[in-house]
């Protein structure tokens, strides 16, 4: 999903910015989503759909352990 430009969010957790692909767990308006940024030229940003906190944390844990698709 394309990112919602201009929307404010709070980044709750992130992977290392030294990598070419950075993942962030973000919260906005009581919902959470994952953001994937591919660094380089051009920089590419994608986001998951918004979901409840518990589901977002499960998705974050699955992504970190290689279980997410």
C-alpha atoms as a PDB file:
ATOM      1  CA  UNK A   1       0.000   0.000   0.000  1.00  0.00           C
ATOM      2  CA  UNK A   2       1.290   3.476  -0.785  1.00  0.00           C
ATOM      3  CA  UNK A   3       2.139   5.663   2.222  1.00  0.00           C
ATOM      4  CA  UNK A   4      -0.266   8.329   3.411  1.00  0.00           C
ATOM      5  CA  UNK A   5       1.784  11.429   2.796  1.00  0.00           C
ATOM      6  CA  UNK A   6       1.639  14.142   5.427  1.00  0.00           C
ATOM      7  CA  UNK A   7       0.079  11.911   8.083  1.00  0.00           C
ATOM      8  CA  UNK A   8       1.732  12.183  11.469  1.00  0.00           C
ATOM      9  CA  UNK A   9       2.671   8.965  13.217  1.00  0.00           C
ATOM     10  CA  UNK A  10       4.739   7.773  16.148  1.00  0.00           C
ATOM     11  CA  UNK A  11       7.447   5.208  15.395  1.00  0.00           C
ATOM     12  CA  UNK A  12       7.301   2.540  18.106  1.00  0.00           C
ATOM     13  CA  UNK A  13      10.064   0.219  16.887  1.00  0.00           C
ATOM     14  CA  UNK A  14      12.460  -0.014  13.941  1.00  0.00           C
ATOM     15  CA  UNK A  15      15.183  -2.085  12.377  1.00  0.00           C
ATOM     16  CA  UNK A  16      18.718  -0.796  11.872  1.00  0.00           C
ATOM     17  CA  UNK A  17      19.021   2.223   9.563  1.00  0.00           C
ATOM     18  CA  UNK A  18      22.400   0.915   8.403  1.00  0.00           C
ATOM     19  CA  UNK A  19      20.606  -1.610   6.156  1.00  0.00           C
ATOM     20  CA  UNK A  20      19.332  -0.902   2.666  1.00  0.00           C
ATOM     21  CA  UNK A  21      15.774  -1.846   3.764  1.00  0.00           C
ATOM     22  CA  UNK A  22      14.412  -0.383   7.004  1.00  0.00           C
ATOM     23  CA  UNK A  23      11.185  -1.500   8.705  1.00  0.00           C
ATOM     24  CA  UNK A  24       9.250   0.568  11.246  1.00  0.00           C
ATOM     25  CA  UNK A  25       6.283  -0.200  13.470  1.00  0.00           C
ATOM     26  CA  UNK A  26       4.207   3.000  13.485  1.00  0.00           C
ATOM     27  CA  UNK A  27       1.138   4.172  15.398  1.00  0.00           C
ATOM     28  CA  UNK A  28      -1.386   6.791  14.324  1.00  0.00           C
ATOM     29  CA  UNK A  29      -4.917   7.486  15.470  1.00  0.00           C
ATOM     30  CA  UNK A  30      -5.064   4.457  17.766  1.00  0.00           C
ATOM     31  CA  UNK A  31      -4.025   2.046  15.016  1.00  0.00           C
ATOM     32  CA  UNK A  32      -0.662   0.614  13.974  1.00  0.00           C
ATOM     33  CA  UNK A  33       0.984  -0.247  10.670  1.00  0.00           C
ATOM     34  CA  UNK A  34       4.346  -1.348   9.317  1.00  0.00           C
ATOM     35  CA  UNK A  35       6.380   0.902   7.056  1.00  0.00           C
ATOM     36  CA  UNK A  36       9.061  -0.460   4.700  1.00  0.00           C
ATOM     37  CA  UNK A  37      11.646   1.964   3.313  1.00  0.00           C
ATOM     38  CA  UNK A  38      14.112   0.944   0.611  1.00  0.00           C
ATOM     39  CA  UNK A  39      16.980   3.412   0.803  1.00  0.00           C
ATOM     40  CA  UNK A  40      18.695   4.573  -2.327  1.00  0.00           C
ATOM     41  CA  UNK A  41      17.833   6.629  -5.354  1.00  0.00           C
ATOM     42  CA  UNK A  42      14.909   6.769  -5.616  1.00  0.00           C
ATOM     43  CA  UNK A  43      13.845   6.006  -2.060  1.00  0.00           C
ATOM     44  CA  UNK A  44      10.764   3.751  -1.944  1.00  0.00           C
ATOM     45  CA  UNK A  45       8.282   3.754   0.967  1.00  0.00           C
ATOM     46  CA  UNK A  46       5.427   1.269   1.429  1.00  0.00           C
ATOM     47  CA  UNK A  47       3.023   0.732   4.318  1.00  0.00           C
ATOM     48  CA  UNK A  48       0.672  -2.015   5.418  1.00  0.00           C
ATOM     49  CA  UNK A  49      -2.967  -1.318   6.115  1.00  0.00           C
ATOM     50  CA  UNK A  50      -3.933   0.049   9.529  1.00  0.00           C
ATOM     51  CA  UNK A  51      -4.863  -2.483  12.201  1.00  0.00           C
ATOM     52  CA  UNK A  52      -5.351  -2.882  15.939  1.00  0.00           C
ATOM     53  CA  UNK A  53      -2.311  -2.740  18.232  1.00  0.00           C
ATOM     54  CA  UNK A  54      -2.326  -6.471  19.085  1.00  0.00           C
ATOM     55  CA  UNK A  55      -2.492  -7.522  15.425  1.00  0.00           C
ATOM     56  CA  UNK A  56       0.199  -5.021  14.455  1.00  0.00           C
ATOM     57  CA  UNK A  57       2.544  -6.288  17.148  1.00  0.00           C
ATOM     58  CA  UNK A  58       1.973  -9.875  15.980  1.00  0.00           C
ATOM     59  CA  UNK A  59       2.782  -8.857  12.405  1.00  0.00           C
ATOM     60  CA  UNK A  60       5.913  -7.007  13.608  1.00  0.00           C
ATOM     61  CA  UNK A  61       7.119 -10.088  15.518  1.00  0.00           C
ATOM     62  CA  UNK A  62       6.390 -12.332  12.511  1.00  0.00           C
ATOM     63  CA  UNK A  63       8.327  -9.979  10.217  1.00  0.00           C
ATOM     64  CA  UNK A  64      11.343  -9.925  12.544  1.00  0.00           C
ATOM     65  CA  UNK A  65      11.431 -13.722  12.812  1.00  0.00           C
ATOM     66  CA  UNK A  66      10.912 -14.358   9.106  1.00  0.00           C
ATOM     67  CA  UNK A  67       7.366 -15.740   9.428  1.00  0.00           C
ATOM     68  CA  UNK A  68       5.583 -12.841   7.645  1.00  0.00           C
ATOM     69  CA  UNK A  69       4.795 -12.936   3.949  1.00  0.00           C
END
